Structures are given as structure tokens and as C-alpha cells.
């Protein structure tokens, strides 16, 4: 729903609601319960008109980023949607996607600046976890330890404010970032957490690349160049312009042949039998689960943790 359509829908809905109320008062033929039901149906339709395009956008975005590795198209599409965002809440949500697209495209400074520009008050608190986590990832690639530590600290501070059903989600990000920070001091714990959280990719190519890229850092930390190169070769052979491929190129020591590690469809998926709560997907939470409306428009749901 574009901005003009959004306001047209709001005005039409308000006029019809007022008309129904006036009609009820004048003719007294319309039962108040029926009036309430009609207004409720109108609200549900309005909510659908607002949330449905976001869900469709989310699905298309995830296909571009997770399967096609086409970050340029994802960025262009997201910028177009932001331009036509009907509310400030929807705009803030779309900016989360934009920041992630920039990050996955290796544009770390642009990703950080995008995340900083988001009006956090317009988003459910659980989105703050996602924003701070990807800020930390971007700072890590820029070797900005101060920025990384600040982003990790913000995750710890926001955790008490999020809905309890998302606490496992927040804990997963916090634990993953903590072991990344402490890789040199405790590489075995790092490997354990990477295996537990990132190995179960279910065919998502981007998550598979991230898994091998993170694992390469473990082998680098313990001084095993050949195994590091094997993990990096998997990224280089399949990563296109994904940020992992860009970073793998900097680390690769040419001890193995990249062409030997092209993914095939019949390869087993690592960790596919692990429990569902160990699956950490670096993507935006389903838009249906979270409130994206503006407080000044309806405030019909309480934002989680606020």
C-alpha cells in the first residue's frame, strides 16, 4: 500500500464509520453490536491492506538475499518501498531490511549509518536486537572493536524490555556475538556455538555461506590453514558478491582449489536434524509476529516489552 492509497483508505474508513454512527443514531434500526462488528471488519481489512504488502515484500526480499544472493536488487527494491512507505512504522521496518541488505553486500559503513537512522521508537523492541546485532557484525568486519562492544552492550541492555517469547532469539544473538568477541581466547567454545546456531541452514545459501565463513575463522584462530582454506573455498565457489565471499578472498591462502567446493543439490544439509530452537537465522522476523503500525494512527496493539 503506497502513501496516497494509505491516506485515502484512512479517510474513506473514517467517513464510512462516521456515516454508520450517524445512520444508527437517526434511524435507530441498526443494533450497536452489529455496528461494532462492521467497524471491526473494517479495521481488519485496513490492517490486512497495510500488513499484506509488507509480508509479500519480506518474502521477495528473503528470496533475493538468501537464495539468489542478489543484494543490489534487494537494495533497490527496498529503497523504492521506503519511498512509498505509508507510515513511519513501516518505514522503520523497511530500513531494517535495507541495513541488512547493505551489510550482506559488504557495505558495512552504509549498513551502520542506515541502522543509526532508524527511529527505534516505531519498532517492537525485539527488532532492536536484530539492529544492534547486525551493527556488531558490521563493526567486526571493519575491525572496530569499540563499536562492536557498544552494539553488544546494547543487546544486553534491551533484553529485559522484549517480550519473553523472543528471549531465546535475543540470547542466541548475544551468545554468538560474545564467542566472536572471545574467539582468540576460547576458540573451542566459538566452534561449539557456531555449530549449534549456524550449521542448520535448510538450503538457505546465504546462511550456508555464513556458517562456512564463521567456521573458517575458527581454523584461522587455531592455525590450521588448510582447513581454513577449505571453508573459505566453499564460500568463494558459491558466494558471488555476498559479503562472506568478499571477506573470504582477503583471507584465502590458496592451499586448495576453489572449483572443488562448488555446492551440489544432493549434498546433505549440515545439522538438519537438530532441534528447532537451535536455529539462528540472520533475517528479519516474520512481519506477522510484530507490530508495525504508527502509535499516532491507531495504537491498537501494545508493543512487546513497552
C-alpha atoms as a PDB file:
ATOM      1  CA  UNK A   1       0.000   0.000   0.000  1.00  0.00           C
ATOM      2  CA  UNK A   2       1.525   3.308  -1.077  1.00  0.00           C
ATOM      3  CA  UNK A   3       1.285   6.534   0.939  1.00  0.00           C
ATOM      4  CA  UNK A   4      -1.514   8.042  -1.163  1.00  0.00           C
ATOM      5  CA  UNK A   5      -3.530   4.822  -1.039  1.00  0.00           C
ATOM      6  CA  UNK A   6      -2.950   4.607   2.707  1.00  0.00           C
ATOM      7  CA  UNK A   7      -4.383   8.060   3.435  1.00  0.00           C
ATOM      8  CA  UNK A   8      -7.242   7.520   1.004  1.00  0.00           C
ATOM      9  CA  UNK A   9      -8.117   4.310   2.852  1.00  0.00           C
ATOM     10  CA  UNK A  10      -7.927   6.082   6.232  1.00  0.00           C
ATOM     11  CA  UNK A  11     -10.223   8.917   5.103  1.00  0.00           C
ATOM     12  CA  UNK A  12     -12.691   6.537   3.443  1.00  0.00           C
ATOM     13  CA  UNK A  13     -12.766   4.314   6.519  1.00  0.00           C
ATOM     14  CA  UNK A  14     -13.319   7.309   8.834  1.00  0.00           C
ATOM     15  CA  UNK A  15     -16.117   8.734   6.677  1.00  0.00           C
ATOM     16  CA  UNK A  16     -17.896   5.395   6.416  1.00  0.00           C
ATOM     17  CA  UNK A  17     -17.580   4.801  10.171  1.00  0.00           C
ATOM     18  CA  UNK A  18     -18.964   8.251  10.947  1.00  0.00           C
ATOM     19  CA  UNK A  19     -21.754   7.705   8.463  1.00  0.00           C
ATOM     20  CA  UNK A  20     -22.719   4.448  10.112  1.00  0.00           C
ATOM     21  CA  UNK A  21     -22.800   6.076  13.529  1.00  0.00           C
ATOM     22  CA  UNK A  22     -24.975   8.926  12.285  1.00  0.00           C
ATOM     23  CA  UNK A  23     -27.254   6.479  10.498  1.00  0.00           C
ATOM     24  CA  UNK A  24     -27.602   4.440  13.665  1.00  0.00           C
ATOM     25  CA  UNK A  25     -28.492   7.478  15.741  1.00  0.00           C
ATOM     26  CA  UNK A  26     -31.019   8.778  13.225  1.00  0.00           C
ATOM     27  CA  UNK A  27     -32.867   5.633  12.344  1.00  0.00           C
ATOM     28  CA  UNK A  28     -32.225   3.523  15.481  1.00  0.00           C
ATOM     29  CA  UNK A  29     -32.642   0.473  13.314  1.00  0.00           C
ATOM     30  CA  UNK A  30     -29.025  -0.604  13.460  1.00  0.00           C
ATOM     31  CA  UNK A  31     -28.066  -2.564  16.525  1.00  0.00           C
ATOM     32  CA  UNK A  32     -24.892  -1.314  18.239  1.00  0.00           C
ATOM     33  CA  UNK A  33     -23.454  -4.824  18.258  1.00  0.00           C
ATOM     34  CA  UNK A  34     -23.875  -5.011  14.501  1.00  0.00           C
ATOM     35  CA  UNK A  35     -22.308  -1.566  14.170  1.00  0.00           C
ATOM     36  CA  UNK A  36     -19.312  -2.708  16.233  1.00  0.00           C
ATOM     37  CA  UNK A  37     -18.971  -5.832  14.070  1.00  0.00           C
ATOM     38  CA  UNK A  38     -18.976  -3.765  10.881  1.00  0.00           C
ATOM     39  CA  UNK A  39     -16.340  -1.365  12.236  1.00  0.00           C
ATOM     40  CA  UNK A  40     -14.226  -4.326  13.411  1.00  0.00           C
ATOM     41  CA  UNK A  41     -14.400  -5.886   9.954  1.00  0.00           C
ATOM     42  CA  UNK A  42     -13.326  -2.553   8.510  1.00  0.00           C
ATOM     43  CA  UNK A  43     -10.350  -2.428  10.866  1.00  0.00           C
ATOM     44  CA  UNK A  44      -9.306  -5.968   9.975  1.00  0.00           C
ATOM     45  CA  UNK A  45      -9.493  -5.115   6.283  1.00  0.00           C
ATOM     46  CA  UNK A  46      -7.429  -1.964   6.858  1.00  0.00           C
ATOM     47  CA  UNK A  47      -4.846  -3.964   8.826  1.00  0.00           C
ATOM     48  CA  UNK A  48      -4.657  -6.538   6.047  1.00  0.00           C
ATOM     49  CA  UNK A  49      -4.156  -3.815   3.435  1.00  0.00           C
ATOM     50  CA  UNK A  50      -1.244  -2.456   5.470  1.00  0.00           C
ATOM     51  CA  UNK A  51       0.474  -5.699   6.528  1.00  0.00           C
ATOM     52  CA  UNK A  52      -0.039  -7.846   3.428  1.00  0.00           C
ATOM     53  CA  UNK A  53       2.298  -5.831   1.163  1.00  0.00           C
ATOM     54  CA  UNK A  54       4.970  -5.938   3.887  1.00  0.00           C
ATOM     55  CA  UNK A  55       4.707  -9.712   4.082  1.00  0.00           C
ATOM     56  CA  UNK A  56       4.959 -10.020   0.297  1.00  0.00           C
ATOM     57  CA  UNK A  57       7.955  -7.694   0.328  1.00  0.00           C
ATOM     58  CA  UNK A  58       9.583  -9.753   3.087  1.00  0.00           C
ATOM     59  CA  UNK A  59       9.181 -12.978   1.117  1.00  0.00           C
ATOM     60  CA  UNK A  60      10.650 -11.444  -2.036  1.00  0.00           C
ATOM     61  CA  UNK A  61      13.491  -9.830  -0.091  1.00  0.00           C
ATOM     62  CA  UNK A  62      14.441 -13.097   1.567  1.00  0.00           C
ATOM     63  CA  UNK A  63      14.462 -14.879  -1.795  1.00  0.00           C
ATOM     64  CA  UNK A  64      16.794 -12.247  -3.236  1.00  0.00           C
ATOM     65  CA  UNK A  65      19.152 -12.262  -0.247  1.00  0.00           C
ATOM     66  CA  UNK A  66      19.023 -15.881   0.915  1.00  0.00           C
ATOM     67  CA  UNK A  67      18.770 -17.752  -2.387  1.00  0.00           C
ATOM     68  CA  UNK A  68      19.730 -15.501  -5.286  1.00  0.00           C
ATOM     69  CA  UNK A  69      22.430 -13.544  -3.428  1.00  0.00           C
ATOM     70  CA  UNK A  70      21.243 -10.544  -5.431  1.00  0.00           C
ATOM     71  CA  UNK A  71      21.857  -7.799  -2.901  1.00  0.00           C
ATOM     72  CA  UNK A  72      21.848  -4.992  -5.467  1.00  0.00           C
ATOM     73  CA  UNK A  73      18.276  -5.791  -6.486  1.00  0.00           C
ATOM     74  CA  UNK A  74      17.262  -6.190  -2.834  1.00  0.00           C
ATOM     75  CA  UNK A  75      18.699  -2.758  -2.004  1.00  0.00           C
ATOM     76  CA  UNK A  76      16.988  -1.099  -4.978  1.00  0.00           C
ATOM     77  CA  UNK A  77      13.655  -2.718  -4.177  1.00  0.00           C
ATOM     78  CA  UNK A  78      13.840  -1.735  -0.503  1.00  0.00           C
ATOM     79  CA  UNK A  79      14.679   1.888  -1.313  1.00  0.00           C
ATOM     80  CA  UNK A  80      11.619   2.026  -3.580  1.00  0.00           C
ATOM     81  CA  UNK A  81       9.379   0.633  -0.845  1.00  0.00           C
ATOM     82  CA  UNK A  82      10.796   3.101   1.699  1.00  0.00           C
ATOM     83  CA  UNK A  83       9.996   5.980  -0.655  1.00  0.00           C
ATOM     84  CA  UNK A  84       6.335   4.914  -0.664  1.00  0.00           C
ATOM     85  CA  UNK A  85       6.086   3.784   2.984  1.00  0.00           C
ATOM     86  CA  UNK A  86       2.578   4.671   4.252  1.00  0.00           C
ATOM     87  CA  UNK A  87       3.587   5.147   7.909  1.00  0.00           C
ATOM     88  CA  UNK A  88       6.657   5.896   9.962  1.00  0.00           C
ATOM     89  CA  UNK A  89       6.439   2.431  11.498  1.00  0.00           C
ATOM     90  CA  UNK A  90       6.504   0.726   8.124  1.00  0.00           C
ATOM     91  CA  UNK A  91       9.375   2.970   7.029  1.00  0.00           C
ATOM     92  CA  UNK A  92      11.394   1.993  10.107  1.00  0.00           C
ATOM     93  CA  UNK A  93      10.745  -1.689   9.429  1.00  0.00           C
ATOM     94  CA  UNK A  94      11.857  -1.341   5.823  1.00  0.00           C
ATOM     95  CA  UNK A  95      15.020   0.435   6.954  1.00  0.00           C
ATOM     96  CA  UNK A  96      15.899  -2.678   8.963  1.00  0.00           C
ATOM     97  CA  UNK A  97      15.751  -4.682   5.745  1.00  0.00           C
ATOM     98  CA  UNK A  98      17.802  -2.026   3.961  1.00  0.00           C
ATOM     99  CA  UNK A  99      20.539  -2.100   6.594  1.00  0.00           C
ATOM    100  CA  UNK A 100      20.734  -5.868   6.368  1.00  0.00           C
ATOM    101  CA  UNK A 101      20.933  -5.726   2.571  1.00  0.00           C
ATOM    102  CA  UNK A 102      23.810  -3.257   2.756  1.00  0.00           C
ATOM    103  CA  UNK A 103      25.571  -5.468   5.305  1.00  0.00           C
ATOM    104  CA  UNK A 104      25.169  -8.592   3.178  1.00  0.00           C
ATOM    105  CA  UNK A 105      26.521  -6.637   0.220  1.00  0.00           C
ATOM    106  CA  UNK A 106      29.689  -5.765   2.138  1.00  0.00           C
ATOM    107  CA  UNK A 107      28.734  -2.084   2.504  1.00  0.00           C
ATOM    108  CA  UNK A 108      29.376  -2.003   6.236  1.00  0.00           C
ATOM    109  CA  UNK A 109      29.561   1.761   6.780  1.00  0.00           C
ATOM    110  CA  UNK A 110      26.346   2.239   4.827  1.00  0.00           C
ATOM    111  CA  UNK A 111      24.677  -0.501   6.862  1.00  0.00           C
ATOM    112  CA  UNK A 112      25.737   1.076  10.159  1.00  0.00           C
ATOM    113  CA  UNK A 113      24.533   4.510   9.085  1.00  0.00           C
ATOM    114  CA  UNK A 114      21.215   3.058   7.945  1.00  0.00           C
ATOM    115  CA  UNK A 115      20.668   1.318  11.270  1.00  0.00           C
ATOM    116  CA  UNK A 116      21.551   4.520  13.133  1.00  0.00           C
ATOM    117  CA  UNK A 117      18.959   6.464  11.133  1.00  0.00           C
ATOM    118  CA  UNK A 118      16.079   4.202  12.207  1.00  0.00           C
ATOM    119  CA  UNK A 119      13.521   5.632  14.628  1.00  0.00           C
ATOM    120  CA  UNK A 120      13.635   2.812  17.178  1.00  0.00           C
ATOM    121  CA  UNK A 121      10.503   4.090  18.940  1.00  0.00           C
ATOM    122  CA  UNK A 122       8.479   2.954  15.917  1.00  0.00           C
ATOM    123  CA  UNK A 123       9.550  -0.685  16.195  1.00  0.00           C
ATOM    124  CA  UNK A 124       8.840  -3.523  18.560  1.00  0.00           C
ATOM    125  CA  UNK A 125      11.797  -3.873  20.937  1.00  0.00           C
ATOM    126  CA  UNK A 126      12.759  -7.273  19.545  1.00  0.00           C
ATOM    127  CA  UNK A 127      13.750  -5.560  16.291  1.00  0.00           C
ATOM    128  CA  UNK A 128      16.326  -3.612  18.292  1.00  0.00           C
ATOM    129  CA  UNK A 129      18.128  -6.921  18.907  1.00  0.00           C
ATOM    130  CA  UNK A 130      18.337  -7.519  15.165  1.00  0.00           C
ATOM    131  CA  UNK A 131      19.569  -3.978  14.509  1.00  0.00           C
ATOM    132  CA  UNK A 132      22.250  -4.000  17.205  1.00  0.00           C
ATOM    133  CA  UNK A 133      23.399  -7.500  16.211  1.00  0.00           C
ATOM    134  CA  UNK A 134      23.957  -6.506  12.602  1.00  0.00           C
ATOM    135  CA  UNK A 135      25.648  -3.315  13.679  1.00  0.00           C
ATOM    136  CA  UNK A 136      28.033  -5.502  15.672  1.00  0.00           C
ATOM    137  CA  UNK A 137      28.636  -7.751  12.651  1.00  0.00           C
ATOM    138  CA  UNK A 138      29.417  -4.718  10.507  1.00  0.00           C
ATOM    139  CA  UNK A 139      31.750  -3.257  13.121  1.00  0.00           C
ATOM    140  CA  UNK A 140      33.500  -6.633  13.333  1.00  0.00           C
ATOM    141  CA  UNK A 141      34.239  -6.632   9.614  1.00  0.00           C
ATOM    142  CA  UNK A 142      35.555  -3.074   9.948  1.00  0.00           C
ATOM    143  CA  UNK A 143      37.742  -4.188  12.878  1.00  0.00           C
ATOM    144  CA  UNK A 144      36.057  -1.565  15.065  1.00  0.00           C
ATOM    145  CA  UNK A 145      36.206  -3.196  18.494  1.00  0.00           C
ATOM    146  CA  UNK A 146      34.725  -0.204  20.273  1.00  0.00           C
ATOM    147  CA  UNK A 147      31.684  -0.139  18.000  1.00  0.00           C
ATOM    148  CA  UNK A 148      31.314  -3.926  18.309  1.00  0.00           C
ATOM    149  CA  UNK A 149      31.394  -3.800  22.108  1.00  0.00           C
ATOM    150  CA  UNK A 150      28.860  -0.965  22.216  1.00  0.00           C
ATOM    151  CA  UNK A 151      26.420  -2.836  19.978  1.00  0.00           C
ATOM    152  CA  UNK A 152      26.777  -5.997  22.080  1.00  0.00           C
ATOM    153  CA  UNK A 153      26.193  -3.988  25.259  1.00  0.00           C
ATOM    154  CA  UNK A 154      23.017  -2.530  23.774  1.00  0.00           C
ATOM    155  CA  UNK A 155      21.693  -6.039  23.149  1.00  0.00           C
ATOM    156  CA  UNK A 156      22.262  -6.905  26.802  1.00  0.00           C
ATOM    157  CA  UNK A 157      20.533  -3.709  27.917  1.00  0.00           C
ATOM    158  CA  UNK A 158      17.455  -4.148  25.704  1.00  0.00           C
ATOM    159  CA  UNK A 159      16.821  -7.801  26.614  1.00  0.00           C
ATOM    160  CA  UNK A 160      14.733  -7.044  29.747  1.00  0.00           C
ATOM    161  CA  UNK A 161      12.372  -4.942  27.605  1.00  0.00           C
ATOM    162  CA  UNK A 162      11.475  -7.523  24.969  1.00  0.00           C
ATOM    163  CA  UNK A 163       8.601  -9.970  25.016  1.00  0.00           C
ATOM    164  CA  UNK A 164       9.536 -13.177  26.825  1.00  0.00           C
ATOM    165  CA  UNK A 165       8.654 -15.351  23.828  1.00  0.00           C
ATOM    166  CA  UNK A 166      11.599 -13.755  21.962  1.00  0.00           C
ATOM    167  CA  UNK A 167      14.154 -14.093  24.760  1.00  0.00           C
ATOM    168  CA  UNK A 168      15.712 -17.196  23.183  1.00  0.00           C
ATOM    169  CA  UNK A 169      16.151 -15.242  19.959  1.00  0.00           C
ATOM    170  CA  UNK A 170      17.955 -12.470  21.850  1.00  0.00           C
ATOM    171  CA  UNK A 171      20.092 -14.941  23.810  1.00  0.00           C
ATOM    172  CA  UNK A 172      21.220 -16.629  20.592  1.00  0.00           C
ATOM    173  CA  UNK A 173      22.497 -13.366  19.139  1.00  0.00           C
ATOM    174  CA  UNK A 174      24.157 -12.361  22.392  1.00  0.00           C
ATOM    175  CA  UNK A 175      25.924 -15.707  22.757  1.00  0.00           C
ATOM    176  CA  UNK A 176      27.036 -15.766  19.130  1.00  0.00           C
ATOM    177  CA  UNK A 177      28.465 -12.249  19.305  1.00  0.00           C
ATOM    178  CA  UNK A 178      30.147 -12.993  22.631  1.00  0.00           C
ATOM    179  CA  UNK A 179      32.043 -16.002  21.269  1.00  0.00           C
ATOM    180  CA  UNK A 180      33.024 -13.993  18.191  1.00  0.00           C
ATOM    181  CA  UNK A 181      34.475 -11.381  20.505  1.00  0.00           C
ATOM    182  CA  UNK A 182      36.334 -14.021  22.546  1.00  0.00           C
ATOM    183  CA  UNK A 183      37.449 -16.199  19.616  1.00  0.00           C
ATOM    184  CA  UNK A 184      41.185 -15.909  20.268  1.00  0.00           C
ATOM    185  CA  UNK A 185      40.784 -16.676  23.980  1.00  0.00           C
ATOM    186  CA  UNK A 186      38.356 -19.582  23.612  1.00  0.00           C
ATOM    187  CA  UNK A 187      38.213 -20.976  20.042  1.00  0.00           C
ATOM    188  CA  UNK A 188      36.590 -24.273  21.087  1.00  0.00           C
ATOM    189  CA  UNK A 189      33.599 -22.525  22.631  1.00  0.00           C
ATOM    190  CA  UNK A 190      33.358 -20.429  19.464  1.00  0.00           C
ATOM    191  CA  UNK A 191      33.249 -23.560  17.307  1.00  0.00           C
ATOM    192  CA  UNK A 192      30.628 -25.152  19.547  1.00  0.00           C
ATOM    193  CA  UNK A 193      28.340 -22.120  19.306  1.00  0.00           C
ATOM    194  CA  UNK A 194      28.835 -21.762  15.552  1.00  0.00           C
ATOM    195  CA  UNK A 195      27.918 -25.415  15.028  1.00  0.00           C
ATOM    196  CA  UNK A 196      24.879 -25.119  17.278  1.00  0.00           C
ATOM    197  CA  UNK A 197      23.491 -21.906  15.811  1.00  0.00           C
ATOM    198  CA  UNK A 198      24.570 -21.690  12.187  1.00  0.00           C
ATOM    199  CA  UNK A 199      25.012 -25.208  10.802  1.00  0.00           C
ATOM    200  CA  UNK A 200      21.299 -25.836  10.248  1.00  0.00           C
ATOM    201  CA  UNK A 201      20.693 -23.765   7.117  1.00  0.00           C
ATOM    202  CA  UNK A 202      17.913 -25.825   5.425  1.00  0.00           C
ATOM    203  CA  UNK A 203      19.063 -24.857   1.966  1.00  0.00           C
ATOM    204  CA  UNK A 204      19.356 -21.119   2.553  1.00  0.00           C
ATOM    205  CA  UNK A 205      22.506 -20.384   0.561  1.00  0.00           C
ATOM    206  CA  UNK A 206      23.325 -17.190   2.461  1.00  0.00           C
ATOM    207  CA  UNK A 207      23.154 -18.951   5.829  1.00  0.00           C
ATOM    208  CA  UNK A 208      25.300 -21.761   4.477  1.00  0.00           C
ATOM    209  CA  UNK A 209      27.924 -19.230   3.397  1.00  0.00           C
ATOM    210  CA  UNK A 210      27.864 -17.558   6.798  1.00  0.00           C
ATOM    211  CA  UNK A 211      28.341 -20.925   8.502  1.00  0.00           C
ATOM    212  CA  UNK A 212      31.437 -21.802   6.466  1.00  0.00           C
ATOM    213  CA  UNK A 213      32.795 -18.262   6.775  1.00  0.00           C
ATOM    214  CA  UNK A 214      32.461 -18.254  10.572  1.00  0.00           C
ATOM    215  CA  UNK A 215      33.981 -21.726  10.765  1.00  0.00           C
ATOM    216  CA  UNK A 216      36.978 -20.518   8.724  1.00  0.00           C
ATOM    217  CA  UNK A 217      37.717 -18.024  11.487  1.00  0.00           C
ATOM    218  CA  UNK A 218      37.926 -20.892  13.960  1.00  0.00           C
ATOM    219  CA  UNK A 219      40.552 -22.694  11.877  1.00  0.00           C
ATOM    220  CA  UNK A 220      42.434 -19.445  11.435  1.00  0.00           C
ATOM    221  CA  UNK A 221      42.462 -18.978  15.216  1.00  0.00           C
ATOM    222  CA  UNK A 222      43.921 -22.459  15.833  1.00  0.00           C
ATOM    223  CA  UNK A 223      46.428 -22.109  12.993  1.00  0.00           C
ATOM    224  CA  UNK A 224      45.031 -24.765  10.605  1.00  0.00           C
ATOM    225  CA  UNK A 225      45.482 -23.024   7.250  1.00  0.00           C
ATOM    226  CA  UNK A 226      44.369 -25.929   5.066  1.00  0.00           C
ATOM    227  CA  UNK A 227      41.039 -26.424   6.841  1.00  0.00           C
ATOM    228  CA  UNK A 228      40.550 -22.661   6.901  1.00  0.00           C
ATOM    229  CA  UNK A 229      41.036 -22.576   3.140  1.00  0.00           C
ATOM    230  CA  UNK A 230      38.588 -25.443   2.640  1.00  0.00           C
ATOM    231  CA  UNK A 231      35.881 -23.454   4.416  1.00  0.00           C
ATOM    232  CA  UNK A 232      36.815 -20.293   2.550  1.00  0.00           C
ATOM    233  CA  UNK A 233      36.840 -22.159  -0.779  1.00  0.00           C
ATOM    234  CA  UNK A 234      33.230 -23.203  -0.190  1.00  0.00           C
ATOM    235  CA  UNK A 235      32.361 -19.543   0.266  1.00  0.00           C
ATOM    236  CA  UNK A 236      34.375 -18.348  -2.730  1.00  0.00           C
ATOM    237  CA  UNK A 237      32.978 -21.028  -5.039  1.00  0.00           C
ATOM    238  CA  UNK A 238      29.358 -20.207  -4.229  1.00  0.00           C
ATOM    239  CA  UNK A 239      29.169 -16.752  -2.691  1.00  0.00           C
ATOM    240  CA  UNK A 240      29.021 -14.432  -5.722  1.00  0.00           C
ATOM    241  CA  UNK A 241      29.194 -10.875  -4.289  1.00  0.00           C
ATOM    242  CA  UNK A 242      27.982 -11.861  -0.823  1.00  0.00           C
ATOM    243  CA  UNK A 243      29.969 -10.203   1.978  1.00  0.00           C
ATOM    244  CA  UNK A 244      31.342 -13.581   3.071  1.00  0.00           C
ATOM    245  CA  UNK A 245      32.900 -14.084  -0.367  1.00  0.00           C
ATOM    246  CA  UNK A 246      34.411 -10.606  -0.242  1.00  0.00           C
ATOM    247  CA  UNK A 247      35.973 -11.294   3.148  1.00  0.00           C
ATOM    248  CA  UNK A 248      36.994 -14.857   2.214  1.00  0.00           C
ATOM    249  CA  UNK A 249      39.003 -13.505  -0.693  1.00  0.00           C
ATOM    250  CA  UNK A 250      41.085 -11.459   1.757  1.00  0.00           C
ATOM    251  CA  UNK A 251      41.766 -14.483   3.985  1.00  0.00           C
ATOM    252  CA  UNK A 252      42.259 -17.237   1.397  1.00  0.00           C
ATOM    253  CA  UNK A 253      45.796 -18.718   1.234  1.00  0.00           C
ATOM    254  CA  UNK A 254      45.345 -20.753  -1.991  1.00  0.00           C
ATOM    255  CA  UNK A 255      46.149 -24.096  -0.405  1.00  0.00           C
ATOM    256  CA  UNK A 256      43.137 -25.784  -2.078  1.00  0.00           C
ATOM    257  CA  UNK A 257      41.289 -25.425  -5.398  1.00  0.00           C
ATOM    258  CA  UNK A 258      38.163 -23.320  -5.157  1.00  0.00           C
ATOM    259  CA  UNK A 259      36.405 -25.162  -8.008  1.00  0.00           C
ATOM    260  CA  UNK A 260      36.472 -28.384  -5.978  1.00  0.00           C
ATOM    261  CA  UNK A 261      33.974 -26.941  -3.498  1.00  0.00           C
ATOM    262  CA  UNK A 262      31.002 -25.899  -5.597  1.00  0.00           C
ATOM    263  CA  UNK A 263      27.781 -26.837  -3.813  1.00  0.00           C
ATOM    264  CA  UNK A 264      25.621 -29.551  -5.361  1.00  0.00           C
ATOM    265  CA  UNK A 265      21.916 -30.136  -4.801  1.00  0.00           C
ATOM    266  CA  UNK A 266      22.411 -33.671  -3.495  1.00  0.00           C
ATOM    267  CA  UNK A 267      24.737 -32.650  -0.640  1.00  0.00           C
ATOM    268  CA  UNK A 268      23.348 -33.325   2.852  1.00  0.00           C
ATOM    269  CA  UNK A 269      22.429 -30.280   4.902  1.00  0.00           C
ATOM    270  CA  UNK A 270      24.615 -29.795   7.948  1.00  0.00           C
ATOM    271  CA  UNK A 271      22.739 -30.166  11.211  1.00  0.00           C
ATOM    272  CA  UNK A 272      19.352 -30.737   9.576  1.00  0.00           C
ATOM    273  CA  UNK A 273      18.165 -32.962  12.434  1.00  0.00           C
ATOM    274  CA  UNK A 274      18.963 -30.538  15.255  1.00  0.00           C
ATOM    275  CA  UNK A 275      16.206 -29.064  17.375  1.00  0.00           C
ATOM    276  CA  UNK A 276      14.273 -26.056  16.122  1.00  0.00           C
ATOM    277  CA  UNK A 277      15.330 -23.790  18.993  1.00  0.00           C
ATOM    278  CA  UNK A 278      18.976 -24.016  17.895  1.00  0.00           C
ATOM    279  CA  UNK A 279      18.257 -22.430  14.530  1.00  0.00           C
ATOM    280  CA  UNK A 280      19.521 -18.844  14.351  1.00  0.00           C
ATOM    281  CA  UNK A 281      18.555 -17.306  11.027  1.00  0.00           C
ATOM    282  CA  UNK A 282      20.106 -13.951  10.138  1.00  0.00           C
ATOM    283  CA  UNK A 283      16.924 -12.498   8.723  1.00  0.00           C
ATOM    284  CA  UNK A 284      14.050 -10.320   9.810  1.00  0.00           C
ATOM    285  CA  UNK A 285      11.416 -11.955  11.999  1.00  0.00           C
ATOM    286  CA  UNK A 286       8.119 -12.690  10.242  1.00  0.00           C
ATOM    287  CA  UNK A 287       6.280  -9.375   9.958  1.00  0.00           C
ATOM    288  CA  UNK A 288       3.058 -11.044  11.115  1.00  0.00           C
ATOM    289  CA  UNK A 289       4.553 -11.549  14.580  1.00  0.00           C
ATOM    290  CA  UNK A 290       5.323  -7.900  15.266  1.00  0.00           C
ATOM    291  CA  UNK A 291       3.519  -4.558  15.416  1.00  0.00           C
ATOM    292  CA  UNK A 292       4.377  -2.167  12.605  1.00  0.00           C
ATOM    293  CA  UNK A 293       1.620   0.435  12.944  1.00  0.00           C
ATOM    294  CA  UNK A 294       2.271   4.048  13.979  1.00  0.00           C
ATOM    295  CA  UNK A 295       1.341   4.968  17.556  1.00  0.00           C
ATOM    296  CA  UNK A 296      -0.248   8.215  16.356  1.00  0.00           C
ATOM    297  CA  UNK A 297      -2.537   6.419  13.886  1.00  0.00           C
ATOM    298  CA  UNK A 298      -4.155   3.645  15.867  1.00  0.00           C
ATOM    299  CA  UNK A 299      -2.049   2.239  18.744  1.00  0.00           C
ATOM    300  CA  UNK A 300      -4.353  -0.770  18.680  1.00  0.00           C
ATOM    301  CA  UNK A 301      -1.716  -3.191  19.969  1.00  0.00           C
ATOM    302  CA  UNK A 302       0.793  -2.810  22.779  1.00  0.00           C
ATOM    303  CA  UNK A 303       4.318  -3.102  21.500  1.00  0.00           C
ATOM    304  CA  UNK A 304       6.151  -6.036  23.034  1.00  0.00           C
ATOM    305  CA  UNK A 305       8.125  -5.138  26.147  1.00  0.00           C
ATOM    306  CA  UNK A 306       6.942  -1.499  26.292  1.00  0.00           C
END
